[in-house]
Protein backbone atom coordinates (compact mmCIF):
# COMPACT_ATOMS: atom_id res chain seq x y z
CA UNK A 1 1.18 -64.46 -25.58
CA UNK A 2 4.66 -64.87 -26.36
CA UNK A 3 6.87 -62.68 -29.20
CA UNK A 4 10.25 -61.55 -29.27
CA UNK A 5 10.89 -58.43 -28.06
CA UNK A 6 11.87 -55.68 -30.32
CA UNK A 7 15.01 -53.12 -29.85
CA UNK A 8 14.07 -49.90 -29.58
CA UNK A 9 15.12 -48.95 -33.12
CA UNK A 10 14.50 -51.70 -35.19
CA UNK A 11 13.68 -52.26 -39.05
CA UNK A 12 11.02 -54.02 -40.59
CA UNK A 13 11.41 -57.95 -41.79
CA UNK A 14 14.34 -57.87 -44.59
CA UNK A 15 12.19 -60.24 -46.40
CA UNK A 16 9.41 -57.27 -47.00
CA UNK A 17 9.46 -56.39 -50.31
CA UNK A 18 8.58 -52.81 -51.82
CA UNK A 19 4.92 -54.15 -52.77
CA UNK A 20 4.14 -55.30 -49.29
CA UNK A 21 4.24 -52.14 -47.83
CA UNK A 22 1.28 -51.50 -45.11
CA UNK A 23 -1.79 -51.97 -46.92
CA UNK A 24 -4.21 -48.81 -46.59
CA UNK A 25 -5.98 -48.56 -50.05
CA UNK A 26 -9.33 -50.09 -48.72
CA UNK A 27 -9.92 -47.03 -46.66
CA UNK A 28 -7.94 -44.17 -48.50
CA UNK A 29 -9.92 -40.89 -49.34
CA UNK A 30 -9.10 -38.23 -51.62
CA UNK A 31 -7.96 -34.95 -49.10
CA UNK A 32 -8.78 -31.56 -49.69
CA UNK A 33 -8.93 -28.68 -47.35
CA UNK A 34 -9.77 -27.87 -43.93
CA UNK A 35 -6.27 -28.49 -42.39
CA UNK A 36 -5.31 -26.99 -38.98
CA UNK A 37 -2.22 -24.76 -38.50
CA UNK A 38 -1.09 -27.41 -35.93
CA UNK A 39 -1.48 -29.92 -38.08
CA UNK A 40 2.24 -29.29 -39.95
CA UNK A 41 3.83 -31.60 -37.89
CA UNK A 42 1.48 -34.32 -38.97
CA UNK A 43 1.01 -33.34 -42.32
CA UNK A 44 4.39 -33.94 -43.62
CA UNK A 45 3.55 -35.42 -47.03
CA UNK A 46 0.19 -35.13 -49.15
CA UNK A 47 0.67 -38.14 -51.21
CA UNK A 48 0.55 -42.10 -48.90
CA UNK A 49 4.22 -42.68 -49.43
CA UNK A 50 4.90 -46.73 -49.07
CA UNK A 51 7.28 -47.31 -46.40
CA UNK A 52 10.58 -48.82 -47.88
CA UNK A 53 9.65 -47.69 -51.48
CA UNK A 54 10.78 -44.01 -51.52
CA UNK A 55 14.40 -43.67 -52.00
CA UNK A 56 16.61 -43.02 -48.86
CA UNK A 57 18.20 -40.09 -50.81
CA UNK A 58 15.02 -38.29 -50.69
CA UNK A 59 14.96 -38.02 -47.21
CA UNK A 60 14.53 -34.24 -47.38
CA UNK A 61 11.64 -32.45 -48.81
CA UNK A 62 10.35 -29.63 -48.25
CA UNK A 63 12.97 -29.09 -44.87
CA UNK A 64 11.40 -32.16 -43.65
CA UNK A 65 13.76 -35.12 -42.59
CA UNK A 66 12.12 -38.43 -43.28
CA UNK A 67 14.69 -40.27 -40.56
CA UNK A 68 14.52 -38.20 -38.29
CA UNK A 69 13.75 -39.90 -34.68
CA UNK A 70 11.07 -38.23 -32.61
CA UNK A 71 11.13 -36.95 -29.58
CA UNK A 72 10.37 -39.56 -26.66
CA UNK A 73 6.73 -38.72 -24.40
CA UNK A 74 6.03 -35.52 -26.48
CA UNK A 75 2.67 -35.57 -27.45
CA UNK A 76 2.24 -33.42 -30.61
CA UNK A 77 -1.81 -33.27 -29.82
CA UNK A 78 -0.43 -31.46 -26.06
CA UNK A 79 -2.48 -28.18 -26.13
CA UNK A 80 -4.66 -28.85 -29.58
CA UNK A 81 -8.62 -27.70 -28.86
CA UNK A 82 -11.16 -28.36 -31.43
CA UNK A 83 -12.56 -25.74 -33.71
CA UNK A 84 -14.90 -25.94 -36.73
CA UNK A 85 -13.87 -24.12 -39.85
CA UNK A 86 -15.91 -21.79 -41.43
CA UNK A 87 -14.99 -22.78 -44.95
CA UNK A 88 -16.97 -24.19 -47.42
CA UNK A 89 -15.27 -27.62 -48.43
CA UNK A 90 -15.27 -29.16 -51.85
CA UNK A 91 -14.59 -32.34 -52.85
CA UNK A 92 -12.17 -33.39 -55.81
CA UNK A 93 -14.77 -33.20 -58.50
CA UNK A 94 -15.27 -29.37 -57.18
CA UNK A 95 -19.01 -30.22 -55.87
CA UNK A 96 -19.77 -29.82 -52.16
CA UNK A 97 -19.75 -32.52 -49.51
CA UNK A 98 -22.96 -33.70 -47.97
CA UNK A 99 -23.88 -32.07 -44.95
CA UNK A 100 -23.45 -35.60 -43.39
CA UNK A 101 -20.18 -35.97 -44.60
CA UNK A 102 -19.13 -32.71 -43.02
CA UNK A 103 -21.11 -33.31 -39.82
CA UNK A 104 -19.13 -36.78 -39.76
CA UNK A 105 -15.78 -35.01 -40.20
CA UNK A 106 -16.14 -32.41 -37.38
CA UNK A 107 -17.62 -35.34 -35.08
CA UNK A 108 -14.30 -37.62 -35.78
CA UNK A 109 -12.31 -34.64 -35.73
CA UNK A 110 -13.23 -33.79 -32.12
CA UNK A 111 -13.42 -37.17 -30.94
CA UNK A 112 -9.73 -37.35 -32.40
CA UNK A 113 -8.37 -34.12 -30.60
CA UNK A 114 -10.04 -35.33 -27.75
CA UNK A 115 -8.60 -38.59 -27.34
CA UNK A 116 -4.79 -37.37 -28.38
CA UNK A 117 -5.53 -39.76 -31.61
CA UNK A 118 -6.54 -43.10 -30.02
CA UNK A 119 -10.43 -43.15 -30.90
CA UNK A 120 -12.63 -41.77 -33.61
CA UNK A 121 -15.77 -43.49 -34.16
CA UNK A 122 -14.90 -46.03 -36.87
CA UNK A 123 -18.66 -46.24 -37.74
CA UNK A 124 -18.58 -42.35 -38.60
CA UNK A 125 -18.15 -42.01 -42.66
CA UNK A 126 -16.22 -38.37 -42.67
CA UNK A 127 -15.10 -37.17 -45.79
CA UNK A 128 -11.54 -37.27 -44.88
CA UNK A 129 -9.90 -38.39 -41.73
CA UNK A 130 -8.64 -35.71 -39.31
CA UNK A 131 -4.42 -35.59 -39.52
CA UNK A 132 -5.00 -38.48 -42.20
CA UNK A 133 -5.31 -41.16 -38.82
CA UNK A 134 -7.31 -43.42 -40.08
CA UNK A 135 -8.90 -46.75 -37.92
CA UNK A 136 -8.13 -50.22 -38.95
CA UNK A 137 -9.54 -53.75 -38.52
CA UNK A 138 -7.21 -55.88 -36.50
CA UNK A 139 -7.49 -58.62 -38.71
CA UNK A 140 -6.85 -56.09 -41.88
CA UNK A 141 -3.94 -57.06 -44.12
CA UNK A 142 -0.36 -54.80 -43.25
CA UNK A 143 2.07 -56.39 -44.34
CA UNK A 144 2.17 -59.48 -46.46
CA UNK A 145 1.61 -62.48 -44.56
CA UNK A 146 0.62 -59.67 -41.41
CA UNK A 147 -1.84 -58.31 -40.18
CA UNK A 148 -2.52 -55.21 -37.85
CA UNK A 149 -2.80 -57.37 -34.72
CA UNK A 150 0.48 -58.66 -35.09
CA UNK A 151 1.97 -55.27 -36.69
CA UNK A 152 0.82 -53.68 -33.47
CA UNK A 153 1.80 -55.96 -31.38
CA UNK A 154 5.77 -55.37 -32.50
CA UNK A 155 5.03 -51.83 -31.80
CA UNK A 156 4.06 -52.23 -28.57
CA UNK A 157 6.95 -54.37 -27.42
CA UNK A 158 8.69 -51.28 -28.99
CA UNK A 159 7.15 -48.73 -27.07
CA UNK A 160 7.00 -51.17 -23.80
CA UNK A 161 10.88 -51.62 -23.98
CA UNK A 162 11.53 -48.08 -23.85
CA UNK A 163 8.96 -47.51 -21.16
CA UNK A 164 10.38 -50.29 -18.64
CA UNK A 165 13.72 -49.40 -19.10
CA UNK A 166 13.01 -45.22 -18.44
CA UNK A 167 10.50 -46.52 -15.29
CA UNK A 168 12.08 -49.64 -14.64
CA UNK A 169 8.69 -51.25 -14.59
CA UNK A 170 7.74 -54.43 -16.14
CA UNK A 171 4.71 -53.57 -18.05
CA UNK A 172 3.54 -56.42 -20.51
CA UNK A 173 1.18 -56.32 -23.19
CA UNK A 174 -1.67 -58.55 -22.94
CA UNK A 175 -3.95 -58.06 -26.14
CA UNK A 176 -4.19 -55.35 -28.53
CA UNK A 177 -7.80 -53.38 -28.49
CA UNK A 178 -7.56 -51.28 -31.07
CA UNK A 179 -5.20 -49.03 -33.29
CA UNK A 180 -5.33 -46.17 -35.99
CA UNK A 181 -2.46 -45.72 -38.79
CA UNK A 182 -1.58 -42.35 -40.61
CA UNK A 183 0.62 -43.54 -43.69
CA UNK A 184 3.70 -41.62 -45.13
CA UNK A 185 7.11 -41.79 -45.19
CA UNK A 186 7.16 -41.16 -41.28
CA UNK A 187 3.93 -43.37 -40.75
CA UNK A 188 2.38 -43.34 -37.14
CA UNK A 189 0.14 -45.91 -35.24
CA UNK A 190 -2.12 -44.95 -32.53
CA UNK A 191 -2.53 -48.46 -30.27
CA UNK A 192 -4.86 -49.08 -27.39
CA UNK A 193 -4.17 -52.36 -25.54
CA UNK A 194 -4.66 -54.05 -22.38
CA UNK A 195 -1.41 -54.52 -20.50
CA UNK A 196 -0.48 -55.86 -16.60
CA UNK A 197 1.82 -54.19 -14.84
CA UNK A 198 2.62 -56.90 -12.97
CA UNK A 199 2.33 -60.82 -13.33
CA UNK A 200 -0.33 -61.36 -11.34
CA UNK A 201 -2.02 -57.61 -11.55
CA UNK A 202 -5.10 -56.49 -13.19
CA UNK A 203 -5.78 -55.39 -16.54
CA UNK A 204 -4.86 -52.08 -17.64
CA UNK A 205 -6.00 -49.93 -20.66
CA UNK A 206 -2.51 -48.43 -21.91
CA UNK A 207 -1.98 -46.62 -25.20
CA UNK A 208 1.54 -46.79 -27.33
CA UNK A 209 2.41 -44.65 -30.13
CA UNK A 210 5.07 -45.94 -32.75
CA UNK A 211 6.45 -44.04 -35.74
CA UNK A 212 8.22 -46.19 -38.85
CA UNK A 213 10.75 -43.49 -40.47
CA UNK A 214 11.58 -43.98 -44.22
CA UNK A 215 14.50 -46.09 -43.38
CA UNK A 216 12.12 -48.74 -42.01
CA UNK A 217 12.80 -48.31 -38.39
CA UNK A 218 10.66 -47.93 -35.65
CA UNK A 219 10.70 -45.60 -33.09
CA UNK A 220 8.50 -45.45 -30.03
CA UNK A 221 6.51 -41.82 -29.48
CA UNK A 222 4.49 -42.83 -26.32
CA UNK A 223 3.99 -45.21 -23.98
CA UNK A 224 1.64 -44.73 -20.93
CA UNK A 225 -1.99 -45.69 -19.12
CA UNK A 226 -4.84 -44.69 -20.76
CA UNK A 227 -6.57 -41.20 -19.54
CA UNK A 228 -9.37 -41.98 -17.32
CA UNK A 229 -12.78 -40.78 -19.10
CA UNK A 230 -13.67 -38.05 -18.22
CA UNK A 231 -17.30 -38.24 -16.48
């Protein structure tokens, strides 16, 4: 598979119109309650602001700089432990959520914290997705004429370029396996992919995390081999 590599900080295609922002409406749910104190960095906006649509002049709101470049190789999930909120949770209609929806949320939350954002069972039906991070099908539309597979391939190349430059390595993308997406003015993608560390080497599972800031620039956050599952 050959794709043109992207610069470390590149922009979404110039031809992308405001209406072709990342599509997440098919899986959005109204969000309310049970936010963690540790979620402040992730919960930068309660609203789902379309990439490229919000005005650049509004780059700062509530003390948040939406153009700030994320720090490389720093994981916001490090040191985060799961806890279950004792609060009674209510839907937007002020009716209690079903016990199943609450249990699904807590299980999804536990999985996301344990995997540091890279896995939550997509079969679960929680009342909300932890930190707004949602599983996306690879064939789902991300941008006009581009599905999430192609969208995430580009994100992986941004991360691999940074990794290979820093580590003097030659890791190559083979195939995107799955991904999770958090919308907003500083949207994030959590991507699991198969890679080769040398041309004739075995397949290795890798993880990449990438951000698109309000000015449509892509920024690598993490790129690493996937951790070995605990026995």
